Amino acid sequence: MEVTIDSKLYQQALTYAQQQGLNLTSVIENFLVRFVGSSKNTTEQAVPDVVLSLLGAGESVPDEDLNAREAYYDYLEQKYK
């Protein structure tokens, strides 16, 4: 199977991919996944590095305070004492 792409569009996409720190193949695959609505392997989708860097950040909140509102109000009380 062969796909042809306009050379200007290819260069723009390649530049975009490089600016984002990605390769062009992953950019095209991500677009197609969003366009089609499913991926070839939905169970093993990569978690972005930004999300991984946030794991474990901050203090844990009790399970019953799912919105962390109580924790947030406690934080504000301590901050503005």
PDB file of N, CA and C in Angstrom:
ATOM      1  N   MET A   1       0.848  -1.178   0.000  1.00  0.00           N
ATOM      2  CA  MET A   1       0.000   0.000   0.000  1.00  0.00           C
ATOM      3  C   MET A   1       0.894   1.241   0.000  1.00  0.00           C
ATOM      4  N   GLU A   2       0.495   2.217  -0.758  1.00  0.00           N
ATOM      5  CA  GLU A   2       1.283   3.437  -0.870  1.00  0.00           C
ATOM      6  C   GLU A   2       0.383   4.639  -0.650  1.00  0.00           C
ATOM      7  N   VAL A   3       0.901   5.607   0.072  1.00  0.00           N
ATOM      8  CA  VAL A   3       0.174   6.848   0.331  1.00  0.00           C
ATOM      9  C   VAL A   3       1.033   7.989  -0.164  1.00  0.00           C
ATOM     10  N   THR A   4       0.432   8.886  -0.920  1.00  0.00           N
ATOM     11  CA  THR A   4       1.188  10.048  -1.386  1.00  0.00           C
ATOM     12  C   THR A   4       0.692  11.289  -0.662  1.00  0.00           C
ATOM     13  N   ILE A   5       1.644  12.154  -0.339  1.00  0.00           N
ATOM     14  CA  ILE A   5       1.349  13.389   0.395  1.00  0.00           C
ATOM     15  C   ILE A   5       2.035  14.539  -0.321  1.00  0.00           C
ATOM     16  N   ASP A   6       1.359  15.664  -0.387  1.00  0.00           N
ATOM     17  CA  ASP A   6       1.927  16.866  -0.962  1.00  0.00           C
ATOM     18  C   ASP A   6       3.235  17.201  -0.244  1.00  0.00           C
ATOM     19  N   SER A   7       4.266  17.562  -0.994  1.00  0.00           N
ATOM     20  CA  SER A   7       5.583  17.786  -0.399  1.00  0.00           C
ATOM     21  C   SER A   7       5.588  18.946   0.604  1.00  0.00           C
ATOM     22  N   LYS A   8       4.805  20.002   0.349  1.00  0.00           N
ATOM     23  CA  LYS A   8       4.735  21.115   1.302  1.00  0.00           C
ATOM     24  C   LYS A   8       4.088  20.657   2.615  1.00  0.00           C
ATOM     25  N   LEU A   9       3.021  19.898   2.494  1.00  0.00           N
ATOM     26  CA  LEU A   9       2.342  19.385   3.677  1.00  0.00           C
ATOM     27  C   LEU A   9       3.261  18.444   4.453  1.00  0.00           C
ATOM     28  N   TYR A  10       4.002  17.620   3.753  1.00  0.00           N
ATOM     29  CA  TYR A  10       4.944  16.710   4.392  1.00  0.00           C
ATOM     30  C   TYR A  10       5.982  17.488   5.188  1.00  0.00           C
ATOM     31  N   GLN A  11       6.539  18.527   4.587  1.00  0.00           N
ATOM     32  CA  GLN A  11       7.558  19.334   5.275  1.00  0.00           C
ATOM     33  C   GLN A  11       6.982  20.028   6.499  1.00  0.00           C
ATOM     34  N   GLN A  12       5.758  20.548   6.373  1.00  0.00           N
ATOM     35  CA  GLN A  12       5.123  21.202   7.517  1.00  0.00           C
ATOM     36  C   GLN A  12       4.880  20.203   8.643  1.00  0.00           C
ATOM     37  N   ALA A  13       4.420  19.032   8.297  1.00  0.00           N
ATOM     38  CA  ALA A  13       4.165  17.999   9.300  1.00  0.00           C
ATOM     39  C   ALA A  13       5.468  17.534   9.947  1.00  0.00           C
ATOM     40  N   LEU A  14       6.501  17.400   9.160  1.00  0.00           N
ATOM     41  CA  LEU A  14       7.800  17.003   9.682  1.00  0.00           C
ATOM     42  C   LEU A  14       8.343  18.058  10.639  1.00  0.00           C
ATOM     43  N   THR A  15       8.204  19.319  10.286  1.00  0.00           N
ATOM     44  CA  THR A  15       8.644  20.409  11.156  1.00  0.00           C
ATOM     45  C   THR A  15       7.859  20.408  12.453  1.00  0.00           C
ATOM     46  N   TYR A  16       6.534  20.234  12.360  1.00  0.00           N
ATOM     47  CA  TYR A  16       5.695  20.175  13.553  1.00  0.00           C
ATOM     48  C   TYR A  16       6.130  19.030  14.469  1.00  0.00           C
ATOM     49  N   ALA A  17       6.342  17.862  13.893  1.00  0.00           N
ATOM     50  CA  ALA A  17       6.736  16.697  14.672  1.00  0.00           C
ATOM     51  C   ALA A  17       8.060  16.950  15.391  1.00  0.00           C
ATOM     52  N   GLN A  18       9.013  17.550  14.693  1.00  0.00           N
ATOM     53  CA  GLN A  18      10.308  17.838  15.304  1.00  0.00           C
ATOM     54  C   GLN A  18      10.167  18.851  16.438  1.00  0.00           C
ATOM     55  N   GLN A  19       9.321  19.854  16.262  1.00  0.00           N
ATOM     56  CA  GLN A  19       9.108  20.857  17.303  1.00  0.00           C
ATOM     57  C   GLN A  19       8.469  20.247  18.546  1.00  0.00           C
ATOM     58  N   GLN A  20       7.652  19.230  18.334  1.00  0.00           N
ATOM     59  CA  GLN A  20       6.972  18.564  19.448  1.00  0.00           C
ATOM     60  C   GLN A  20       7.817  17.442  20.050  1.00  0.00           C
ATOM     61  N   GLY A  21       8.972  17.191  19.472  1.00  0.00           N
ATOM     62  CA  GLY A  21       9.835  16.125  19.957  1.00  0.00           C
ATOM     63  C   GLY A  21       9.317  14.737  19.600  1.00  0.00           C
ATOM     64  N   LEU A  22       8.614  14.638  18.489  1.00  0.00           N
ATOM     65  CA  LEU A  22       8.033  13.378  18.051  1.00  0.00           C
ATOM     66  C   LEU A  22       8.577  13.013  16.685  1.00  0.00           C
ATOM     67  N   ASN A  23       8.310  11.776  16.282  1.00  0.00           N
ATOM     68  CA  ASN A  23       8.626  11.448  14.902  1.00  0.00           C
ATOM     69  C   ASN A  23       7.344  11.548  14.086  1.00  0.00           C
ATOM     70  N   LEU A  24       7.467  11.700  12.816  1.00  0.00           N
ATOM     71  CA  LEU A  24       6.319  11.939  11.946  1.00  0.00           C
ATOM     72  C   LEU A  24       5.349  10.760  11.956  1.00  0.00           C
ATOM     73  N   THR A  25       5.868   9.569  12.055  1.00  0.00           N
ATOM     74  CA  THR A  25       5.003   8.384  12.088  1.00  0.00           C
ATOM     75  C   THR A  25       4.047   8.437  13.270  1.00  0.00           C
ATOM     76  N   SER A  26       4.551   8.790  14.450  1.00  0.00           N
ATOM     77  CA  SER A  26       3.673   8.841  15.621  1.00  0.00           C
ATOM     78  C   SER A  26       2.638   9.949  15.501  1.00  0.00           C
ATOM     79  N   VAL A  27       3.004  11.075  14.901  1.00  0.00           N
ATOM     80  CA  VAL A  27       2.043  12.158  14.694  1.00  0.00           C
ATOM     81  C   VAL A  27       0.916  11.689  13.780  1.00  0.00           C
ATOM     82  N   ILE A  28       1.264  11.035  12.697  1.00  0.00           N
ATOM     83  CA  ILE A  28       0.256  10.550  11.749  1.00  0.00           C
ATOM     84  C   ILE A  28      -0.608   9.474  12.398  1.00  0.00           C
ATOM     85  N   GLU A  29       0.013   8.557  13.141  1.00  0.00           N
ATOM     86  CA  GLU A  29      -0.765   7.513  13.819  1.00  0.00           C
ATOM     87  C   GLU A  29      -1.728   8.119  14.833  1.00  0.00           C
ATOM     88  N   ASN A  30      -1.274   9.101  15.609  1.00  0.00           N
ATOM     89  CA  ASN A  30      -2.148   9.757  16.584  1.00  0.00           C
ATOM     90  C   ASN A  30      -3.320  10.439  15.897  1.00  0.00           C
ATOM     91  N   PHE A  31      -3.055  11.100  14.779  1.00  0.00           N
ATOM     92  CA  PHE A  31      -4.126  11.743  14.036  1.00  0.00           C
ATOM     93  C   PHE A  31      -5.137  10.716  13.549  1.00  0.00           C
ATOM     94  N   LEU A  32      -4.645   9.631  12.982  1.00  0.00           N
ATOM     95  CA  LEU A  32      -5.553   8.610  12.462  1.00  0.00           C
ATOM     96  C   LEU A  32      -6.367   7.958  13.574  1.00  0.00           C
ATOM     97  N   VAL A  33      -5.759   7.763  14.727  1.00  0.00           N
ATOM     98  CA  VAL A  33      -6.498   7.200  15.859  1.00  0.00           C
ATOM     99  C   VAL A  33      -7.633   8.131  16.249  1.00  0.00           C
ATOM    100  N   ARG A  34      -7.369   9.423  16.302  1.00  0.00           N
ATOM    101  CA  ARG A  34      -8.421  10.387  16.646  1.00  0.00           C
ATOM    102  C   ARG A  34      -9.471  10.473  15.539  1.00  0.00           C
ATOM    103  N   PHE A  35      -9.036  10.400  14.303  1.00  0.00           N
ATOM    104  CA  PHE A  35      -9.946  10.506  13.164  1.00  0.00           C
ATOM    105  C   PHE A  35     -10.856   9.290  13.079  1.00  0.00           C
ATOM    106  N   VAL A  36     -10.293   8.128  13.218  1.00  0.00           N
ATOM    107  CA  VAL A  36     -11.049   6.888  13.105  1.00  0.00           C
ATOM    108  C   VAL A  36     -11.800   6.599  14.402  1.00  0.00           C
ATOM    109  N   GLY A  37     -11.216   6.958  15.523  1.00  0.00           N
ATOM    110  CA  GLY A  37     -11.886   6.762  16.800  1.00  0.00           C
ATOM    111  C   GLY A  37     -11.437   5.544  17.563  1.00  0.00           C
ATOM    112  N   SER A  38     -10.499   4.812  17.044  1.00  0.00           N
ATOM    113  CA  SER A  38      -9.967   3.673  17.776  1.00  0.00           C
ATOM    114  C   SER A  38      -8.510   3.493  17.389  1.00  0.00           C
ATOM    115  N   SER A  39      -7.792   2.778  18.228  1.00  0.00           N
ATOM    116  CA  SER A  39      -6.383   2.538  17.907  1.00  0.00           C
ATOM    117  C   SER A  39      -6.162   1.065  17.637  1.00  0.00           C
ATOM    118  N   LYS A  40      -5.016   0.763  17.109  1.00  0.00           N
ATOM    119  CA  LYS A  40      -4.712  -0.629  16.809  1.00  0.00           C
ATOM    120  C   LYS A  40      -4.517  -1.450  18.069  1.00  0.00           C
ATOM    121  N   ASN A  41      -4.138  -0.779  19.164  1.00  0.00           N
ATOM    122  CA  ASN A  41      -3.923  -1.484  20.416  1.00  0.00           C
ATOM    123  C   ASN A  41      -4.308  -0.562  21.560  1.00  0.00           C
ATOM    124  N   THR A  42      -5.580  -0.518  21.893  1.00  0.00           N
ATOM    125  CA  THR A  42      -6.065   0.437  22.887  1.00  0.00           C
ATOM    126  C   THR A  42      -5.613   0.110  24.290  1.00  0.00           C
ATOM    127  N   THR A  43      -5.231  -1.122  24.560  1.00  0.00           N
ATOM    128  CA  THR A  43      -4.846  -1.478  25.916  1.00  0.00           C
ATOM    129  C   THR A  43      -3.441  -1.026  26.268  1.00  0.00           C
ATOM    130  N   GLU A  44      -2.623  -0.717  25.291  1.00  0.00           N
ATOM    131  CA  GLU A  44      -1.249  -0.345  25.568  1.00  0.00           C
ATOM    132  C   GLU A  44      -0.925   1.064  25.086  1.00  0.00           C
ATOM    133  N   GLN A  45      -1.866   2.003  25.231  1.00  0.00           N
ATOM    134  CA  GLN A  45      -1.582   3.366  24.831  1.00  0.00           C
ATOM    135  C   GLN A  45      -0.594   3.972  25.809  1.00  0.00           C
ATOM    136  N   ALA A  46       0.353   4.706  25.284  1.00  0.00           N
ATOM    137  CA  ALA A  46       1.386   5.305  26.113  1.00  0.00           C
ATOM    138  C   ALA A  46       0.829   6.468  26.921  1.00  0.00           C
ATOM    139  N   VAL A  47       1.287   6.558  28.146  1.00  0.00           N
ATOM    140  CA  VAL A  47       0.912   7.675  29.001  1.00  0.00           C
ATOM    141  C   VAL A  47       1.933   8.781  28.745  1.00  0.00           C
ATOM    142  N   PRO A  48       1.472  10.003  28.462  1.00  0.00           N
ATOM    143  CA  PRO A  48       2.419  11.088  28.183  1.00  0.00           C
ATOM    144  C   PRO A  48       3.379  11.317  29.349  1.00  0.00           C
ATOM    145  N   ASP A  49       4.595  11.742  29.039  1.00  0.00           N
ATOM    146  CA  ASP A  49       5.608  11.983  30.054  1.00  0.00           C
ATOM    147  C   ASP A  49       5.158  13.019  31.075  1.00  0.00           C
ATOM    148  N   VAL A  50       4.378  14.002  30.626  1.00  0.00           N
ATOM    149  CA  VAL A  50       3.896  15.037  31.537  1.00  0.00           C
ATOM    150  C   VAL A  50       3.032  14.420  32.629  1.00  0.00           C
ATOM    151  N   VAL A  51       2.175  13.494  32.250  1.00  0.00           N
ATOM    152  CA  VAL A  51       1.304  12.835  33.222  1.00  0.00           C
ATOM    153  C   VAL A  51       2.134  11.969  34.161  1.00  0.00           C
ATOM    154  N   LEU A  52       3.088  11.231  33.612  1.00  0.00           N
ATOM    155  CA  LEU A  52       3.933  10.393  34.450  1.00  0.00           C
ATOM    156  C   LEU A  52       4.725  11.220  35.455  1.00  0.00           C
ATOM    157  N   SER A  53       5.141  12.421  35.053  1.00  0.00           N
ATOM    158  CA  SER A  53       5.911  13.260  35.964  1.00  0.00           C
ATOM    159  C   SER A  53       5.062  13.758  37.123  1.00  0.00           C
ATOM    160  N   LEU A  54       3.736  13.767  36.960  1.00  0.00           N
ATOM    161  CA  LEU A  54       2.852  14.237  38.015  1.00  0.00           C
ATOM    162  C   LEU A  54       2.444  13.135  38.990  1.00  0.00           C
ATOM    163  N   LEU A  55       2.680  11.896  38.633  1.00  0.00           N
ATOM    164  CA  LEU A  55       2.288  10.801  39.510  1.00  0.00           C
ATOM    165  C   LEU A  55       3.030  10.909  40.831  1.00  0.00           C
ATOM    166  N   GLY A  56       2.308  10.842  41.910  1.00  0.00           N
ATOM    167  CA  GLY A  56       2.905  10.919  43.230  1.00  0.00           C
ATOM    168  C   GLY A  56       3.144  12.333  43.708  1.00  0.00           C
ATOM    169  N   ALA A  57       2.839  13.317  42.899  1.00  0.00           N
ATOM    170  CA  ALA A  57       3.033  14.704  43.304  1.00  0.00           C
ATOM    171  C   ALA A  57       1.941  15.096  44.293  1.00  0.00           C
ATOM    172  N   GLY A  58       2.293  15.861  45.277  1.00  0.00           N
ATOM    173  CA  GLY A  58       1.317  16.329  46.247  1.00  0.00           C
ATOM    174  C   GLY A  58       1.015  15.294  47.310  1.00  0.00           C
ATOM    175  N   GLU A  59       0.150  15.664  48.209  1.00  0.00           N
ATOM    176  CA  GLU A  59      -0.237  14.782  49.304  1.00  0.00           C
ATOM    177  C   GLU A  59      -1.503  14.030  48.925  1.00  0.00           C
ATOM    178  N   SER A  60      -1.623  12.829  49.426  1.00  0.00           N
ATOM    179  CA  SER A  60      -2.821  12.060  49.122  1.00  0.00           C
ATOM    180  C   SER A  60      -3.992  12.592  49.941  1.00  0.00           C
ATOM    181  N   VAL A  61      -5.180  12.397  49.427  1.00  0.00           N
ATOM    182  CA  VAL A  61      -6.400  12.836  50.116  1.00  0.00           C
ATOM    183  C   VAL A  61      -7.212  11.598  50.459  1.00  0.00           C
ATOM    184  N   PRO A  62      -8.049  11.688  51.501  1.00  0.00           N
ATOM    185  CA  PRO A  62      -8.869  10.532  51.878  1.00  0.00           C
ATOM    186  C   PRO A  62      -9.817  10.124  50.744  1.00  0.00           C
ATOM    187  N   ASP A  63     -10.148   8.849  50.682  1.00  0.00           N
ATOM    188  CA  ASP A  63     -11.028   8.327  49.633  1.00  0.00           C
ATOM    189  C   ASP A  63     -12.408   8.971  49.649  1.00  0.00           C
ATOM    190  N   GLU A  64     -12.908   9.328  50.833  1.00  0.00           N
ATOM    191  CA  GLU A  64     -14.247   9.923  50.899  1.00  0.00           C
ATOM    192  C   GLU A  64     -14.262  11.371  50.412  1.00  0.00           C
ATOM    193  N   ASP A  65     -13.095  11.990  50.258  1.00  0.00           N
ATOM    194  CA  ASP A  65     -13.002  13.375  49.771  1.00  0.00           C
ATOM    195  C   ASP A  65     -12.510  13.341  48.325  1.00  0.00           C
ATOM    196  N   LEU A  66     -13.334  12.790  47.438  1.00  0.00           N
ATOM    197  CA  LEU A  66     -12.900  12.578  46.060  1.00  0.00           C
ATOM    198  C   LEU A  66     -12.549  13.862  45.329  1.00  0.00           C
ATOM    199  N   ASN A  67     -13.235  14.939  45.613  1.00  0.00           N
ATOM    200  CA  ASN A  67     -12.954  16.205  44.946  1.00  0.00           C
ATOM    201  C   ASN A  67     -11.801  16.943  45.593  1.00  0.00           C
ATOM    202  N   ALA A  68     -11.348  16.450  46.745  1.00  0.00           N
ATOM    203  CA  ALA A  68     -10.267  17.063  47.508  1.00  0.00           C
ATOM    204  C   ALA A  68     -10.646  18.460  47.981  1.00  0.00           C
ATOM    205  N   ARG A  69     -11.937  18.713  48.118  1.00  0.00           N
ATOM    206  CA  ARG A  69     -12.383  20.033  48.570  1.00  0.00           C
ATOM    207  C   ARG A  69     -11.960  20.298  50.005  1.00  0.00           C
ATOM    208  N   GLU A  70     -12.154  19.296  50.851  1.00  0.00           N
ATOM    209  CA  GLU A  70     -11.768  19.490  52.246  1.00  0.00           C
ATOM    210  C   GLU A  70     -10.276  19.743  52.353  1.00  0.00           C
ATOM    211  N   ALA A  71      -9.501  18.984  51.627  1.00  0.00           N
ATOM    212  CA  ALA A  71      -8.053  19.163  51.638  1.00  0.00           C
ATOM    213  C   ALA A  71      -7.694  20.550  51.114  1.00  0.00           C
ATOM    214  N   TYR A  72      -8.386  21.012  50.092  1.00  0.00           N
ATOM    215  CA  TYR A  72      -8.114  22.337  49.538  1.00  0.00           C
ATOM    216  C   TYR A  72      -8.472  23.430  50.533  1.00  0.00           C
ATOM    217  N   TYR A  73      -9.609  23.300  51.199  1.00  0.00           N
ATOM    218  CA  TYR A  73      -9.997  24.299  52.193  1.00  0.00           C
ATOM    219  C   TYR A  73      -9.035  24.302  53.372  1.00  0.00           C
ATOM    220  N   ASP A  74      -8.574  23.115  53.778  1.00  0.00           N
ATOM    221  CA  ASP A  74      -7.573  23.048  54.847  1.00  0.00           C
ATOM    222  C   ASP A  74      -6.289  23.745  54.418  1.00  0.00           C
ATOM    223  N   TYR A  75      -5.909  23.533  53.179  1.00  0.00           N
ATOM    224  CA  TYR A  75      -4.712  24.191  52.649  1.00  0.00           C
ATOM    225  C   TYR A  75      -4.874  25.710  52.677  1.00  0.00           C
ATOM    226  N   LEU A  76      -6.036  26.208  52.241  1.00  0.00           N
ATOM    227  CA  LEU A  76      -6.273  27.652  52.244  1.00  0.00           C
ATOM    228  C   LEU A  76      -6.272  28.225  53.658  1.00  0.00           C
ATOM    229  N   GLU A  77      -6.854  27.493  54.590  1.00  0.00           N
ATOM    230  CA  GLU A  77      -6.851  27.945  55.970  1.00  0.00           C
ATOM    231  C   GLU A  77      -5.426  28.087  56.506  1.00  0.00           C
ATOM    232  N   GLN A  78      -4.591  27.108  56.198  1.00  0.00           N
ATOM    233  CA  GLN A  78      -3.199  27.165  56.649  1.00  0.00           C
ATOM    234  C   GLN A  78      -2.438  28.283  55.954  1.00  0.00           C
ATOM    235  N   LYS A  79      -2.711  28.481  54.702  1.00  0.00           N
ATOM    236  CA  LYS A  79      -1.998  29.484  53.923  1.00  0.00           C
ATOM    237  C   LYS A  79      -2.310  30.897  54.396  1.00  0.00           C
ATOM    238  N   TYR A  80      -3.548  31.168  54.726  1.00  0.00           N
ATOM    239  CA  TYR A  80      -3.961  32.525  55.075  1.00  0.00           C
ATOM    240  C   TYR A  80      -4.127  32.756  56.567  1.00  0.00           C
ATOM    241  N   LYS A  81      -3.474  31.970  57.389  1.00  0.00           N
ATOM    242  CA  LYS A  81      -3.498  32.198  58.838  1.00  0.00           C
ATOM    243  C   LYS A  81      -2.669  33.399  59.188  1.00  0.00           C
TER     244      LYS A  81
END
